[in-house]
PDB file of all heavy atoms in Angstrom:
ATOM      1  N   LEU A   1       0.790  -1.221  -0.106  1.00  0.00           N
ATOM      2  CA  LEU A   1       0.005   0.006  -0.029  1.00  0.00           C
ATOM      3  C   LEU A   1       0.846   1.272  -0.049  1.00  0.00           C
ATOM      4  O   LEU A   1       1.938   1.384   0.633  1.00  0.00           O
ATOM      5  CB  LEU A   1      -0.922   0.044   1.246  1.00  0.00           C
ATOM      6  CG  LEU A   1      -2.109  -0.832   1.095  1.00  0.00           C
ATOM      7  CD1 LEU A   1      -2.799  -0.962   2.600  1.00  0.00           C
ATOM      8  CD2 LEU A   1      -3.185  -0.294   0.106  1.00  0.00           C
ATOM      9  N   LYS A   2       0.391   2.231  -0.625  1.00  0.00           N
ATOM     10  CA  LYS A   2       1.094   3.591  -0.688  1.00  0.00           C
ATOM     11  C   LYS A   2       0.868   4.257   0.795  1.00  0.00           C
ATOM     12  O   LYS A   2      -0.060   3.939   1.418  1.00  0.00           O
ATOM     13  CB  LYS A   2       0.448   4.530  -1.843  1.00  0.00           C
ATOM     14  CG  LYS A   2       0.708   3.903  -3.192  1.00  0.00           C
ATOM     15  CD  LYS A   2      -0.038   4.910  -4.219  1.00  0.00           C
ATOM     16  CE  LYS A   2       0.173   4.223  -5.557  1.00  0.00           C
ATOM     17  NZ  LYS A   2      -0.583   5.142  -6.576  1.00  0.00           N
ATOM     18  N   PRO A   3       1.837   5.244   1.018  1.00  0.00           N
ATOM     19  CA  PRO A   3       1.638   5.945   2.219  1.00  0.00           C
ATOM     20  C   PRO A   3       0.315   6.671   2.162  1.00  0.00           C
ATOM     21  O   PRO A   3      -0.203   7.161   1.160  1.00  0.00           O
ATOM     22  CB  PRO A   3       2.683   6.950   2.244  1.00  0.00           C
ATOM     23  CG  PRO A   3       3.731   6.219   1.404  1.00  0.00           C
ATOM     24  CD  PRO A   3       2.989   5.577   0.354  1.00  0.00           C
ATOM     25  N   ASN A   4      -0.398   6.785   3.358  1.00  0.00           N
ATOM     26  CA  ASN A   4      -1.659   7.377   3.566  1.00  0.00           C
ATOM     27  C   ASN A   4      -2.865   6.755   2.867  1.00  0.00           C
ATOM     28  O   ASN A   4      -3.817   7.341   2.610  1.00  0.00           O
ATOM     29  CB  ASN A   4      -1.576   8.903   3.181  1.00  0.00           C
ATOM     30  CG  ASN A   4      -0.612   9.522   4.018  1.00  0.00           C
ATOM     31  OD1 ASN A   4      -0.521   9.491   5.266  1.00  0.00           O
ATOM     32  ND2 ASN A   4       0.373  10.377   3.435  1.00  0.00           N
ATOM     33  N   SER A   5      -2.627   5.531   2.339  1.00  0.00           N
ATOM     34  CA  SER A   5      -3.743   4.905   1.608  1.00  0.00           C
ATOM     35  C   SER A   5      -4.675   4.219   2.615  1.00  0.00           C
ATOM     36  O   SER A   5      -4.396   4.303   3.931  1.00  0.00           O
ATOM     37  CB  SER A   5      -3.153   3.707   0.727  1.00  0.00           C
ATOM     38  OG  SER A   5      -2.358   2.858   1.468  1.00  0.00           O
ATOM     39  N   LYS A   6      -5.829   3.856   2.107  1.00  0.00           N
ATOM     40  CA  LYS A   6      -6.934   3.268   3.045  1.00  0.00           C
ATOM     41  C   LYS A   6      -7.212   1.811   2.703  1.00  0.00           C
ATOM     42  O   LYS A   6      -6.979   1.409   1.616  1.00  0.00           O
ATOM     43  CB  LYS A   6      -8.264   4.131   2.883  1.00  0.00           C
ATOM     44  CG  LYS A   6      -8.072   5.549   3.267  1.00  0.00           C
ATOM     45  CD  LYS A   6      -9.461   6.205   2.969  1.00  0.00           C
ATOM     46  CE  LYS A   6      -9.494   7.788   3.413  1.00  0.00           C
ATOM     47  NZ  LYS A   6     -10.804   8.433   3.155  1.00  0.00           N
ATOM     48  N   LEU A   7      -7.667   1.238   3.838  1.00  0.00           N
ATOM     49  CA  LEU A   7      -8.007  -0.209   3.703  1.00  0.00           C
ATOM     50  C   LEU A   7      -9.212  -0.497   4.674  1.00  0.00           C
ATOM     51  O   LEU A   7      -9.316   0.154   5.729  1.00  0.00           O
ATOM     52  CB  LEU A   7      -6.879  -1.161   3.887  1.00  0.00           C
ATOM     53  CG  LEU A   7      -6.245  -1.212   5.292  1.00  0.00           C
ATOM     54  CD1 LEU A   7      -5.624  -2.547   5.558  1.00  0.00           C
ATOM     55  CD2 LEU A   7      -5.184  -0.182   5.433  1.00  0.00           C
ATOM     56  N   VAL A   8      -9.963  -1.581   4.371  1.00  0.00           N
ATOM     57  CA  VAL A   8     -11.017  -2.044   5.200  1.00  0.00           C
ATOM     58  C   VAL A   8     -10.919  -3.512   5.379  1.00  0.00           C
ATOM     59  O   VAL A   8     -10.743  -4.268   4.407  1.00  0.00           O
ATOM     60  CB  VAL A   8     -12.502  -1.774   4.718  1.00  0.00           C
ATOM     61  CG1 VAL A   8     -13.550  -2.257   5.612  1.00  0.00           C
ATOM     62  CG2 VAL A   8     -12.563  -0.180   4.376  1.00  0.00           C
ATOM     63  N   ILE A   9     -10.856  -3.982   6.546  1.00  0.00           N
ATOM     64  CA  ILE A   9     -10.815  -5.355   6.948  1.00  0.00           C
ATOM     65  C   ILE A   9     -11.916  -5.677   7.889  1.00  0.00           C
ATOM     66  O   ILE A   9     -12.530  -4.867   8.563  1.00  0.00           O
ATOM     67  CB  ILE A   9      -9.429  -5.753   7.564  1.00  0.00           C
ATOM     68  CG1 ILE A   9      -9.222  -5.067   8.874  1.00  0.00           C
ATOM     69  CG2 ILE A   9      -8.212  -5.513   6.590  1.00  0.00           C
ATOM     70  CD1 ILE A   9      -7.985  -5.467   9.648  1.00  0.00           C
ATOM     71  N   ASP A  10     -12.254  -6.971   8.041  1.00  0.00           N
ATOM     72  CA  ASP A  10     -13.262  -7.405   8.995  1.00  0.00           C
ATOM     73  C   ASP A  10     -12.630  -8.640   9.842  1.00  0.00           C
ATOM     74  O   ASP A  10     -11.757  -9.338   9.397  1.00  0.00           O
ATOM     75  CB  ASP A  10     -14.531  -7.725   8.274  1.00  0.00           C
ATOM     76  CG  ASP A  10     -14.647  -9.001   7.476  1.00  0.00           C
ATOM     77  OD1 ASP A  10     -13.487  -9.486   7.174  1.00  0.00           O
ATOM     78  OD2 ASP A  10     -15.615  -9.507   7.151  1.00  0.00           O
ATOM     79  N   PHE A  11     -13.431  -8.886  10.925  1.00  0.00           N
ATOM     80  CA  PHE A  11     -13.023  -9.948  11.839  1.00  0.00           C
ATOM     81  C   PHE A  11     -14.175 -10.202  12.720  1.00  0.00           C
ATOM     82  O   PHE A  11     -15.044  -9.270  13.094  1.00  0.00           O
ATOM     83  CB  PHE A  11     -11.908  -9.434  12.730  1.00  0.00           C
ATOM     84  CG  PHE A  11     -11.112 -10.586  13.347  1.00  0.00           C
ATOM     85  CD1 PHE A  11     -10.353 -11.482  12.629  1.00  0.00           C
ATOM     86  CD2 PHE A  11     -11.210 -10.775  14.736  1.00  0.00           C
ATOM     87  CE1 PHE A  11      -9.703 -12.548  13.329  1.00  0.00           C
ATOM     88  CE2 PHE A  11     -10.577 -11.826  15.398  1.00  0.00           C
ATOM     89  CZ  PHE A  11      -9.777 -12.560  14.583  1.00  0.00           C
ATOM     90  N   PRO A  12     -14.379 -11.483  13.119  1.00  0.00           N
ATOM     91  CA  PRO A  12     -15.679 -11.780  13.914  1.00  0.00           C
ATOM     92  C   PRO A  12     -15.743 -11.084  15.288  1.00  0.00           C
ATOM     93  O   PRO A  12     -14.686 -10.958  15.913  1.00  0.00           O
ATOM     94  CB  PRO A  12     -15.502 -13.358  14.073  1.00  0.00           C
ATOM     95  CG  PRO A  12     -14.602 -13.771  13.038  1.00  0.00           C
ATOM     96  CD  PRO A  12     -13.600 -12.651  12.867  1.00  0.00           C
ATOM     97  N   ASN A  13     -16.903 -10.685  15.564  1.00  0.00           N
ATOM     98  CA  ASN A  13     -17.164 -10.167  16.910  1.00  0.00           C
ATOM     99  C   ASN A  13     -17.433 -11.354  17.818  1.00  0.00           C
ATOM    100  O   ASN A  13     -18.619 -11.941  17.750  1.00  0.00           O
ATOM    101  CB  ASN A  13     -18.348  -9.185  16.800  1.00  0.00           C
ATOM    102  CG  ASN A  13     -18.812  -8.657  18.225  1.00  0.00           C
ATOM    103  OD1 ASN A  13     -18.235  -9.048  19.261  1.00  0.00           O
ATOM    104  ND2 ASN A  13     -19.642  -7.669  18.262  1.00  0.00           N
ATOM    105  N   GLN A  14     -16.624 -11.781  18.582  1.00  0.00           N
ATOM    106  CA  GLN A  14     -16.749 -13.020  19.311  1.00  0.00           C
ATOM    107  C   GLN A  14     -17.691 -12.970  20.503  1.00  0.00           C
ATOM    108  O   GLN A  14     -18.026 -13.949  21.165  1.00  0.00           O
ATOM    109  CB  GLN A  14     -15.319 -13.482  19.789  1.00  0.00           C
ATOM    110  CG  GLN A  14     -14.461 -13.881  18.653  1.00  0.00           C
ATOM    111  CD  GLN A  14     -12.988 -14.136  18.872  1.00  0.00           C
ATOM    112  OE1 GLN A  14     -12.613 -15.016  19.774  1.00  0.00           O
ATOM    113  NE2 GLN A  14     -12.091 -13.321  18.272  1.00  0.00           N
ATOM    114  N   LYS A  15     -18.182 -11.721  20.730  1.00  0.00           N
ATOM    115  CA  LYS A  15     -19.151 -11.549  21.842  1.00  0.00           C
ATOM    116  C   LYS A  15     -20.597 -11.361  21.160  1.00  0.00           C
ATOM    117  O   LYS A  15     -21.588 -11.302  21.863  1.00  0.00           O
ATOM    118  CB  LYS A  15     -18.930 -10.281  22.640  1.00  0.00           C
ATOM    119  CG  LYS A  15     -17.610 -10.360  23.428  1.00  0.00           C
ATOM    120  CD  LYS A  15     -17.269  -9.106  24.239  1.00  0.00           C
ATOM    121  CE  LYS A  15     -16.103  -9.244  25.108  1.00  0.00           C
ATOM    122  NZ  LYS A  15     -15.928  -7.977  25.905  1.00  0.00           N
ATOM    123  N   HIS A  16     -20.662 -11.528  19.948  1.00  0.00           N
ATOM    124  CA  HIS A  16     -21.913 -11.423  19.224  1.00  0.00           C
ATOM    125  C   HIS A  16     -22.814 -12.716  19.482  1.00  0.00           C
ATOM    126  O   HIS A  16     -22.213 -13.791  19.548  1.00  0.00           O
ATOM    127  CB  HIS A  16     -21.783 -11.342  17.626  1.00  0.00           C
ATOM    128  CG  HIS A  16     -22.980 -10.832  16.961  1.00  0.00           C
ATOM    129  ND1 HIS A  16     -23.991 -11.760  16.697  1.00  0.00           N
ATOM    130  CD2 HIS A  16     -23.375  -9.635  16.489  1.00  0.00           C
ATOM    131  CE1 HIS A  16     -24.939 -11.082  15.998  1.00  0.00           C
ATOM    132  NE2 HIS A  16     -24.636  -9.870  15.808  1.00  0.00           N
ATOM    133  N   PRO A  17     -24.156 -12.489  19.718  1.00  0.00           N
ATOM    134  CA  PRO A  17     -25.010 -13.729  20.019  1.00  0.00           C
ATOM    135  C   PRO A  17     -25.002 -14.861  19.041  1.00  0.00           C
ATOM    136  O   PRO A  17     -25.183 -15.999  19.271  1.00  0.00           O
ATOM    137  CB  PRO A  17     -26.341 -13.107  19.999  1.00  0.00           C
ATOM    138  CG  PRO A  17     -26.180 -11.606  20.387  1.00  0.00           C
ATOM    139  CD  PRO A  17     -24.892 -11.171  19.744  1.00  0.00           C
ATOM    140  N   SER A  18     -24.701 -14.461  17.739  1.00  0.00           N
ATOM    141  CA  SER A  18     -24.601 -15.447  16.608  1.00  0.00           C
ATOM    142  C   SER A  18     -23.178 -15.900  16.295  1.00  0.00           C
ATOM    143  O   SER A  18     -23.103 -16.751  15.309  1.00  0.00           O
ATOM    144  CB  SER A  18     -25.233 -14.850  15.362  1.00  0.00           C
ATOM    145  OG  SER A  18     -26.767 -14.762  15.559  1.00  0.00           O
ATOM    146  N   PHE A  19     -22.216 -15.559  17.101  1.00  0.00           N
ATOM    147  CA  PHE A  19     -20.872 -16.030  16.809  1.00  0.00           C
ATOM    148  C   PHE A  19     -20.725 -17.512  16.779  1.00  0.00           C
ATOM    149  O   PHE A  19     -20.218 -18.182  15.879  1.00  0.00           O
ATOM    150  CB  PHE A  19     -19.916 -15.449  17.750  1.00  0.00           C
ATOM    151  CG  PHE A  19     -18.504 -15.970  17.558  1.00  0.00           C
ATOM    152  CD1 PHE A  19     -17.730 -15.620  16.483  1.00  0.00           C
ATOM    153  CD2 PHE A  19     -17.875 -16.774  18.563  1.00  0.00           C
ATOM    154  CE1 PHE A  19     -16.390 -16.100  16.337  1.00  0.00           C
ATOM    155  CE2 PHE A  19     -16.704 -17.324  18.349  1.00  0.00           C
ATOM    156  CZ  PHE A  19     -15.891 -17.038  17.304  1.00  0.00           C
ATOM    157  N   LYS A  20     -21.218 -18.093  17.814  1.00  0.00           N
ATOM    158  CA  LYS A  20     -21.188 -19.604  17.984  1.00  0.00           C
ATOM    159  C   LYS A  20     -21.898 -20.374  16.866  1.00  0.00           C
ATOM    160  O   LYS A  20     -21.498 -21.276  16.283  1.00  0.00           O
ATOM    161  CB  LYS A  20     -21.674 -20.082  19.258  1.00  0.00           C
ATOM    162  CG  LYS A  20     -20.857 -19.644  20.452  1.00  0.00           C
ATOM    163  CD  LYS A  20     -21.310 -20.233  21.717  1.00  0.00           C
ATOM    164  CE  LYS A  20     -20.497 -19.781  22.899  1.00  0.00           C
ATOM    165  NZ  LYS A  20     -20.961 -20.325  24.198  1.00  0.00           N
ATOM    166  N   THR A  21     -22.987 -19.710  16.387  1.00  0.00           N
ATOM    167  CA  THR A  21     -23.746 -20.325  15.289  1.00  0.00           C
ATOM    168  C   THR A  21     -22.922 -20.241  13.844  1.00  0.00           C
ATOM    169  O   THR A  21     -22.887 -21.176  13.209  1.00  0.00           O
ATOM    170  CB  THR A  21     -25.061 -19.592  14.964  1.00  0.00           C
ATOM    171  OG1 THR A  21     -25.858 -19.599  16.244  1.00  0.00           O
ATOM    172  CG2 THR A  21     -25.907 -20.231  14.008  1.00  0.00           C
ATOM    173  N   MET A  22     -22.191 -19.236  13.836  1.00  0.00           N
ATOM    174  CA  MET A  22     -21.439 -18.957  12.601  1.00  0.00           C
ATOM    175  C   MET A  22     -20.286 -20.059  12.681  1.00  0.00           C
ATOM    176  O   MET A  22     -19.858 -20.615  11.549  1.00  0.00           O
ATOM    177  CB  MET A  22     -20.753 -17.558  12.485  1.00  0.00           C
ATOM    178  CG  MET A  22     -19.823 -17.320  11.294  1.00  0.00           C
ATOM    179  SD  MET A  22     -19.247 -15.644  11.105  1.00  0.00           S
ATOM    180  CE  MET A  22     -18.160 -15.530  12.572  1.00  0.00           C
ATOM    181  N   VAL A  23     -19.688 -20.247  13.798  1.00  0.00           N
ATOM    182  CA  VAL A  23     -18.643 -21.254  13.958  1.00  0.00           C
ATOM    183  C   VAL A  23     -19.181 -22.716  13.625  1.00  0.00           C
ATOM    184  O   VAL A  23     -18.427 -23.355  12.899  1.00  0.00           O
ATOM    185  CB  VAL A  23     -18.010 -21.263  15.427  1.00  0.00           C
ATOM    186  CG1 VAL A  23     -17.034 -22.492  15.522  1.00  0.00           C
ATOM    187  CG2 VAL A  23     -17.343 -19.952  15.712  1.00  0.00           C
ATOM    188  N   LYS A  24     -20.304 -22.968  14.098  1.00  0.00           N
ATOM    189  CA  LYS A  24     -20.865 -24.191  13.723  1.00  0.00           C
ATOM    190  C   LYS A  24     -21.160 -24.369  12.170  1.00  0.00           C
ATOM    191  O   LYS A  24     -20.778 -25.420  11.607  1.00  0.00           O
ATOM    192  CB  LYS A  24     -22.355 -24.339  14.415  1.00  0.00           C
ATOM    193  CG  LYS A  24     -22.296 -24.669  15.779  1.00  0.00           C
ATOM    194  CD  LYS A  24     -23.670 -24.789  16.363  1.00  0.00           C
ATOM    195  CE  LYS A  24     -23.725 -24.883  17.860  1.00  0.00           C
ATOM    196  NZ  LYS A  24     -25.080 -25.037  18.356  1.00  0.00           N
ATOM    197  N   LEU A  25     -21.649 -23.354  11.545  1.00  0.00           N
ATOM    198  CA  LEU A  25     -21.845 -23.321  10.144  1.00  0.00           C
ATOM    199  C   LEU A  25     -20.517 -23.579   9.402  1.00  0.00           C
ATOM    200  O   LEU A  25     -20.429 -24.405   8.470  1.00  0.00           O
ATOM    201  CB  LEU A  25     -22.495 -22.026   9.713  1.00  0.00           C
ATOM    202  CG  LEU A  25     -22.583 -21.744   8.213  1.00  0.00           C
ATOM    203  CD1 LEU A  25     -23.412 -22.844   7.530  1.00  0.00           C
ATOM    204  CD2 LEU A  25     -23.098 -20.370   7.870  1.00  0.00           C
ATOM    205  N   GLU A  26     -19.537 -22.784   9.806  1.00  0.00           N
ATOM    206  CA  GLU A  26     -18.152 -22.970   9.086  1.00  0.00           C
ATOM    207  C   GLU A  26     -17.630 -24.350   9.174  1.00  0.00           C
ATOM    208  O   GLU A  26     -17.059 -24.878   8.362  1.00  0.00           O
ATOM    209  CB  GLU A  26     -17.240 -21.877   9.552  1.00  0.00           C
ATOM    210  CG  GLU A  26     -17.638 -20.410   9.366  1.00  0.00           C
ATOM    211  CD  GLU A  26     -17.502 -20.110   7.913  1.00  0.00           C
ATOM    212  OE1 GLU A  26     -16.994 -20.900   7.082  1.00  0.00           O
ATOM    213  OE2 GLU A  26     -17.765 -18.966   7.614  1.00  0.00           O
ATOM    214  N   ASN A  27     -17.864 -25.013  10.416  1.00  0.00           N
ATOM    215  CA  ASN A  27     -17.343 -26.394  10.634  1.00  0.00           C
ATOM    216  C   ASN A  27     -18.126 -27.257   9.725  1.00  0.00           C
ATOM    217  O   ASN A  27     -17.504 -28.242   9.123  1.00  0.00           O
ATOM    218  CB  ASN A  27     -17.528 -26.702  12.151  1.00  0.00           C
ATOM    219  CG  ASN A  27     -16.519 -26.156  13.022  1.00  0.00           C
ATOM    220  OD1 ASN A  27     -15.461 -25.760  12.628  1.00  0.00           O
ATOM    221  ND2 ASN A  27     -16.834 -25.930  14.241  1.00  0.00           N
ATOM    222  N   TYR A  28     -19.488 -27.185   9.584  1.00  0.00           N
ATOM    223  CA  TYR A  28     -20.149 -27.958   8.647  1.00  0.00           C
ATOM    224  C   TYR A  28     -19.700 -27.733   7.245  1.00  0.00           C
ATOM    225  O   TYR A  28     -19.777 -28.718   6.412  1.00  0.00           O
ATOM    226  CB  TYR A  28     -21.665 -27.660   8.729  1.00  0.00           C
ATOM    227  CG  TYR A  28     -22.423 -28.148   9.940  1.00  0.00           C
ATOM    228  CD1 TYR A  28     -23.204 -27.343  10.665  1.00  0.00           C
ATOM    229  CD2 TYR A  28     -22.330 -29.512  10.304  1.00  0.00           C
ATOM    230  CE1 TYR A  28     -23.901 -27.770  11.808  1.00  0.00           C
ATOM    231  CE2 TYR A  28     -22.899 -29.988  11.369  1.00  0.00           C
ATOM    232  CZ  TYR A  28     -23.699 -29.186  12.128  1.00  0.00           C
ATOM    233  OH  TYR A  28     -24.420 -29.629  13.355  1.00  0.00           O
ATOM    234  N   LEU A  29     -19.306 -26.583   6.943  1.00  0.00           N
ATOM    235  CA  LEU A  29     -18.767 -26.324   5.458  1.00  0.00           C
ATOM    236  C   LEU A  29     -17.301 -26.687   5.364  1.00  0.00           C
ATOM    237  O   LEU A  29     -16.713 -26.401   4.394  1.00  0.00           O
ATOM    238  CB  LEU A  29     -18.966 -24.894   5.112  1.00  0.00           C
ATOM    239  CG  LEU A  29     -20.383 -24.359   5.211  1.00  0.00           C
ATOM    240  CD1 LEU A  29     -20.505 -22.792   4.751  1.00  0.00           C
ATOM    241  CD2 LEU A  29     -21.216 -25.159   4.149  1.00  0.00           C
ATOM    242  N   LYS A  30     -16.694 -27.288   6.396  1.00  0.00           N
ATOM    243  CA  LYS A  30     -15.338 -27.673   6.458  1.00  0.00           C
ATOM    244  C   LYS A  30     -14.402 -26.511   6.268  1.00  0.00           C
ATOM    245  O   LYS A  30     -13.455 -26.490   5.580  1.00  0.00           O
ATOM    246  CB  LYS A  30     -14.954 -28.767   5.424  1.00  0.00           C
ATOM    247  CG  LYS A  30     -15.822 -30.047   5.574  1.00  0.00           C
ATOM    248  CD  LYS A  30     -15.542 -31.073   4.520  1.00  0.00           C
ATOM    249  CE  LYS A  30     -16.337 -32.299   4.757  1.00  0.00           C
ATOM    250  NZ  LYS A  30     -16.086 -33.364   3.765  1.00  0.00           N
ATOM    251  N   ARG A  31     -14.702 -25.397   6.976  1.00  0.00           N
ATOM    252  CA  ARG A  31     -13.882 -24.199   7.046  1.00  0.00           C
ATOM    253  C   ARG A  31     -13.662 -23.922   8.573  1.00  0.00           C
ATOM    254  O   ARG A  31     -14.118 -22.846   9.134  1.00  0.00           O
ATOM    255  CB  ARG A  31     -14.608 -23.032   6.432  1.00  0.00           C
ATOM    256  CG  ARG A  31     -14.907 -23.258   4.896  1.00  0.00           C
ATOM    257  CD  ARG A  31     -15.852 -22.132   4.405  1.00  0.00           C
ATOM    258  NE  ARG A  31     -16.289 -22.497   3.106  1.00  0.00           N
ATOM    259  CZ  ARG A  31     -17.330 -21.826   2.526  1.00  0.00           C
ATOM    260  NH1 ARG A  31     -17.947 -20.798   3.096  1.00  0.00           N
ATOM    261  NH2 ARG A  31     -17.808 -22.251   1.399  1.00  0.00           N
TER     262      ARG A  31
END
C-alpha cells in the first residue's frame, strides 16, 4: 500500500450472540 492509503478489513465479533452459530456453520462447511 502507498503511504496514507486506506483499507477495510473485517473480523468476527466473538461476543456477538450469533458467533457460535457462525462457527458451527463454518465447521459444517469444512472451514
